[in-house]
Amino acid sequence: MNIQIQSVKFDADQKLLDFVQHKVGKLDRMIDNSTGAEVTLKLDKDDEAGNKVVVLKLFVPGNELVAERRSRTFEESVDLCVDAVKRQVERYKEARQ
Protein backbone atom coordinates (compact mmCIF):
# COMPACT_ATOMS: atom_id res chain seq x y z
CA MET A 1 0.00 0.00 0.00
CA ASN A 2 1.21 3.48 -0.85
CA ILE A 3 1.31 5.57 2.35
CA GLN A 4 1.93 9.30 2.09
CA ILE A 5 2.92 11.07 5.31
CA GLN A 6 2.80 14.84 5.67
CA SER A 7 3.89 16.79 8.74
CA VAL A 8 2.53 20.29 9.26
CA LYS A 9 4.33 22.95 11.35
CA PHE A 10 7.22 20.61 12.25
CA ASP A 11 9.67 18.10 10.77
CA ALA A 12 8.87 14.52 11.75
CA ASP A 13 11.85 12.37 12.72
CA GLN A 14 12.52 9.01 11.09
CA LYS A 15 11.40 7.07 14.18
CA LEU A 16 7.93 8.64 14.01
CA LEU A 17 7.68 8.08 10.25
CA ASP A 18 8.62 4.41 10.68
CA PHE A 19 6.01 4.04 13.44
CA VAL A 20 3.29 5.51 11.21
CA GLN A 21 4.33 3.30 8.26
CA HIS A 22 4.22 0.19 10.47
CA LYS A 23 0.82 0.93 12.05
CA VAL A 24 -0.95 2.11 8.90
CA GLY A 25 0.63 -0.71 6.88
CA LYS A 26 -1.26 -3.21 9.03
CA LEU A 27 -4.53 -1.88 7.57
CA ASP A 28 -3.49 -3.36 4.23
CA ARG A 29 -4.03 -6.85 5.66
CA MET A 30 -7.62 -6.04 6.57
CA ILE A 31 -8.71 -4.85 3.15
CA ASP A 32 -7.37 -6.14 -0.13
CA ASN A 33 -8.41 -3.43 -2.52
CA SER A 34 -7.15 -0.28 -0.77
CA THR A 35 -5.47 2.09 -3.17
CA GLY A 36 -3.42 3.98 -0.60
CA ALA A 37 -3.40 6.00 2.58
CA GLU A 38 -2.63 9.57 3.52
CA VAL A 39 -1.51 10.56 7.02
CA THR A 40 -1.27 14.16 8.15
CA LEU A 41 0.56 14.96 11.38
CA LYS A 42 -0.18 18.42 12.80
CA LEU A 43 0.78 20.45 15.84
CA ASP A 44 -2.13 22.41 17.28
CA LYS A 45 -2.22 25.21 19.83
CA ASP A 46 -4.77 23.54 22.14
CA ASP A 47 -2.57 22.00 24.85
CA GLU A 48 -5.39 20.96 27.17
CA ALA A 49 -6.90 18.28 24.92
CA GLY A 50 -3.51 17.39 23.45
CA ASN A 51 -1.76 19.28 20.71
CA LYS A 52 -0.78 16.35 18.48
CA VAL A 53 -3.38 15.86 15.74
CA VAL A 54 -3.38 12.98 13.25
CA VAL A 55 -5.69 12.71 10.24
CA LEU A 56 -5.74 9.30 8.56
CA LYS A 57 -7.40 8.78 5.19
CA LEU A 58 -7.64 5.28 3.72
CA PHE A 59 -8.64 5.18 0.07
CA VAL A 60 -10.80 2.29 -1.08
CA PRO A 61 -12.63 2.00 -4.42
CA GLY A 62 -15.54 4.42 -4.41
CA ASN A 63 -14.95 5.56 -0.85
CA GLU A 64 -12.60 7.31 1.53
CA LEU A 65 -12.37 6.26 5.18
CA VAL A 66 -11.27 9.14 7.41
CA ALA A 67 -10.37 9.42 11.08
CA GLU A 68 -9.00 12.40 13.01
CA ARG A 69 -7.75 12.11 16.57
CA ARG A 70 -5.89 14.36 18.97
CA SER A 71 -3.85 13.44 22.04
CA ARG A 72 -0.66 14.29 23.88
CA THR A 73 1.60 12.14 21.66
CA PHE A 74 1.61 11.39 17.95
CA GLU A 75 1.95 7.67 18.66
CA GLU A 76 -1.27 7.64 20.70
CA SER A 77 -3.09 9.68 18.05
CA VAL A 78 -1.95 7.28 15.32
CA ASP A 79 -3.11 4.28 17.37
CA LEU A 80 -6.53 5.87 17.91
CA CYS A 81 -6.88 6.71 14.20
CA VAL A 82 -5.91 3.19 13.11
CA ASP A 83 -8.47 1.70 15.52
CA ALA A 84 -11.18 4.03 14.20
CA VAL A 85 -10.38 3.19 10.56
CA LYS A 86 -10.38 -0.55 11.40
CA ARG A 87 -13.98 -0.20 12.59
CA GLN A 88 -14.84 1.72 9.42
CA VAL A 89 -13.24 -1.02 7.29
CA GLU A 90 -15.37 -3.65 9.01
CA ARG A 91 -18.53 -1.64 8.31
CA TYR A 92 -17.39 -1.05 4.72
CA LYS A 93 -16.86 -4.78 4.18
CA GLU A 94 -20.26 -5.61 5.70
CA ALA A 95 -21.98 -3.07 3.46
CA ARG A 96 -20.39 -4.58 0.35
CA GLN A 97 -21.69 -8.07 1.11
C-alpha atoms as a PDB file:
ATOM      1  CA  MET A   1       0.000   0.000   0.000  1.00  0.00           C
ATOM      2  CA  ASN A   2       1.210   3.478  -0.850  1.00  0.00           C
ATOM      3  CA  ILE A   3       1.312   5.565   2.349  1.00  0.00           C
ATOM      4  CA  GLN A   4       1.928   9.305   2.088  1.00  0.00           C
ATOM      5  CA  ILE A   5       2.917  11.071   5.308  1.00  0.00           C
ATOM      6  CA  GLN A   6       2.799  14.836   5.669  1.00  0.00           C
ATOM      7  CA  SER A   7       3.894  16.789   8.744  1.00  0.00           C
ATOM      8  CA  VAL A   8       2.527  20.295   9.263  1.00  0.00           C
ATOM      9  CA  LYS A   9       4.331  22.948  11.348  1.00  0.00           C
ATOM     10  CA  PHE A  10       7.224  20.608  12.250  1.00  0.00           C
ATOM     11  CA  ASP A  11       9.669  18.104  10.775  1.00  0.00           C
ATOM     12  CA  ALA A  12       8.865  14.516  11.752  1.00  0.00           C
ATOM     13  CA  ASP A  13      11.846  12.367  12.722  1.00  0.00           C
ATOM     14  CA  GLN A  14      12.518   9.006  11.094  1.00  0.00           C
ATOM     15  CA  LYS A  15      11.404   7.075  14.184  1.00  0.00           C
ATOM     16  CA  LEU A  16       7.925   8.643  14.011  1.00  0.00           C
ATOM     17  CA  LEU A  17       7.683   8.080  10.248  1.00  0.00           C
ATOM     18  CA  ASP A  18       8.621   4.408  10.684  1.00  0.00           C
ATOM     19  CA  PHE A  19       6.011   4.037  13.442  1.00  0.00           C
ATOM     20  CA  VAL A  20       3.295   5.513  11.208  1.00  0.00           C
ATOM     21  CA  GLN A  21       4.332   3.300   8.261  1.00  0.00           C
ATOM     22  CA  HIS A  22       4.218   0.195  10.470  1.00  0.00           C
ATOM     23  CA  LYS A  23       0.818   0.931  12.054  1.00  0.00           C
ATOM     24  CA  VAL A  24      -0.946   2.109   8.895  1.00  0.00           C
ATOM     25  CA  GLY A  25       0.630  -0.712   6.877  1.00  0.00           C
ATOM     26  CA  LYS A  26      -1.261  -3.212   9.030  1.00  0.00           C
ATOM     27  CA  LEU A  27      -4.528  -1.882   7.569  1.00  0.00           C
ATOM     28  CA  ASP A  28      -3.489  -3.360   4.230  1.00  0.00           C
ATOM     29  CA  ARG A  29      -4.025  -6.850   5.663  1.00  0.00           C
ATOM     30  CA  MET A  30      -7.617  -6.045   6.572  1.00  0.00           C
ATOM     31  CA  ILE A  31      -8.712  -4.855   3.155  1.00  0.00           C
ATOM     32  CA  ASP A  32      -7.371  -6.143  -0.132  1.00  0.00           C
ATOM     33  CA  ASN A  33      -8.409  -3.427  -2.523  1.00  0.00           C
ATOM     34  CA  SER A  34      -7.152  -0.281  -0.769  1.00  0.00           C
ATOM     35  CA  THR A  35      -5.468   2.092  -3.169  1.00  0.00           C
ATOM     36  CA  GLY A  36      -3.423   3.978  -0.600  1.00  0.00           C
ATOM     37  CA  ALA A  37      -3.395   5.998   2.580  1.00  0.00           C
ATOM     38  CA  GLU A  38      -2.627   9.570   3.515  1.00  0.00           C
ATOM     39  CA  VAL A  39      -1.508  10.560   7.017  1.00  0.00           C
ATOM     40  CA  THR A  40      -1.271  14.164   8.153  1.00  0.00           C
ATOM     41  CA  LEU A  41       0.559  14.958  11.379  1.00  0.00           C
ATOM     42  CA  LYS A  42      -0.180  18.419  12.803  1.00  0.00           C
ATOM     43  CA  LEU A  43       0.781  20.445  15.843  1.00  0.00           C
ATOM     44  CA  ASP A  44      -2.126  22.412  17.280  1.00  0.00           C
ATOM     45  CA  LYS A  45      -2.217  25.206  19.832  1.00  0.00           C
ATOM     46  CA  ASP A  46      -4.769  23.540  22.141  1.00  0.00           C
ATOM     47  CA  ASP A  47      -2.570  21.996  24.847  1.00  0.00           C
ATOM     48  CA  GLU A  48      -5.391  20.957  27.175  1.00  0.00           C
ATOM     49  CA  ALA A  49      -6.897  18.276  24.920  1.00  0.00           C
ATOM     50  CA  GLY A  50      -3.510  17.390  23.450  1.00  0.00           C
ATOM     51  CA  ASN A  51      -1.759  19.282  20.711  1.00  0.00           C
ATOM     52  CA  LYS A  52      -0.782  16.345  18.478  1.00  0.00           C
ATOM     53  CA  VAL A  53      -3.380  15.858  15.740  1.00  0.00           C
ATOM     54  CA  VAL A  54      -3.383  12.979  13.252  1.00  0.00           C
ATOM     55  CA  VAL A  55      -5.688  12.706  10.238  1.00  0.00           C
ATOM     56  CA  LEU A  56      -5.738   9.304   8.560  1.00  0.00           C
ATOM     57  CA  LYS A  57      -7.398   8.776   5.185  1.00  0.00           C
ATOM     58  CA  LEU A  58      -7.642   5.276   3.725  1.00  0.00           C
ATOM     59  CA  PHE A  59      -8.636   5.184   0.073  1.00  0.00           C
ATOM     60  CA  VAL A  60     -10.801   2.292  -1.082  1.00  0.00           C
ATOM     61  CA  PRO A  61     -12.626   1.999  -4.424  1.00  0.00           C
ATOM     62  CA  GLY A  62     -15.537   4.417  -4.414  1.00  0.00           C
ATOM     63  CA  ASN A  63     -14.951   5.560  -0.846  1.00  0.00           C
ATOM     64  CA  GLU A  64     -12.598   7.314   1.530  1.00  0.00           C
ATOM     65  CA  LEU A  65     -12.370   6.256   5.179  1.00  0.00           C
ATOM     66  CA  VAL A  66     -11.269   9.142   7.409  1.00  0.00           C
ATOM     67  CA  ALA A  67     -10.375   9.422  11.082  1.00  0.00           C
ATOM     68  CA  GLU A  68      -8.997  12.402  13.007  1.00  0.00           C
ATOM     69  CA  ARG A  69      -7.753  12.109  16.570  1.00  0.00           C
ATOM     70  CA  ARG A  70      -5.889  14.359  18.974  1.00  0.00           C
ATOM     71  CA  SER A  71      -3.850  13.444  22.035  1.00  0.00           C
ATOM     72  CA  ARG A  72      -0.659  14.293  23.884  1.00  0.00           C
ATOM     73  CA  THR A  73       1.605  12.143  21.658  1.00  0.00           C
ATOM     74  CA  PHE A  74       1.609  11.387  17.951  1.00  0.00           C
ATOM     75  CA  GLU A  75       1.945   7.672  18.665  1.00  0.00           C
ATOM     76  CA  GLU A  76      -1.271   7.644  20.705  1.00  0.00           C
ATOM     77  CA  SER A  77      -3.091   9.677  18.052  1.00  0.00           C
ATOM     78  CA  VAL A  78      -1.954   7.276  15.316  1.00  0.00           C
ATOM     79  CA  ASP A  79      -3.114   4.276  17.368  1.00  0.00           C
ATOM     80  CA  LEU A  80      -6.529   5.870  17.914  1.00  0.00           C
ATOM     81  CA  CYS A  81      -6.878   6.706  14.202  1.00  0.00           C
ATOM     82  CA  VAL A  82      -5.912   3.190  13.115  1.00  0.00           C
ATOM     83  CA  ASP A  83      -8.469   1.703  15.524  1.00  0.00           C
ATOM     84  CA  ALA A  84     -11.176   4.030  14.196  1.00  0.00           C
ATOM     85  CA  VAL A  85     -10.375   3.188  10.565  1.00  0.00           C
ATOM     86  CA  LYS A  86     -10.379  -0.550  11.398  1.00  0.00           C
ATOM     87  CA  ARG A  87     -13.975  -0.199  12.591  1.00  0.00           C
ATOM     88  CA  GLN A  88     -14.843   1.719   9.420  1.00  0.00           C
ATOM     89  CA  VAL A  89     -13.236  -1.017   7.293  1.00  0.00           C
ATOM     90  CA  GLU A  90     -15.366  -3.646   9.012  1.00  0.00           C
ATOM     91  CA  ARG A  91     -18.533  -1.638   8.306  1.00  0.00           C
ATOM     92  CA  TYR A  92     -17.390  -1.048   4.723  1.00  0.00           C
ATOM     93  CA  LYS A  93     -16.857  -4.785   4.180  1.00  0.00           C
ATOM     94  CA  GLU A  94     -20.256  -5.613   5.698  1.00  0.00           C
ATOM     95  CA  ALA A  95     -21.982  -3.065   3.461  1.00  0.00           C
ATOM     96  CA  ARG A  96     -20.386  -4.577   0.347  1.00  0.00           C
ATOM     97  CA  GLN A  97     -21.692  -8.069   1.114  1.00  0.00           C
END
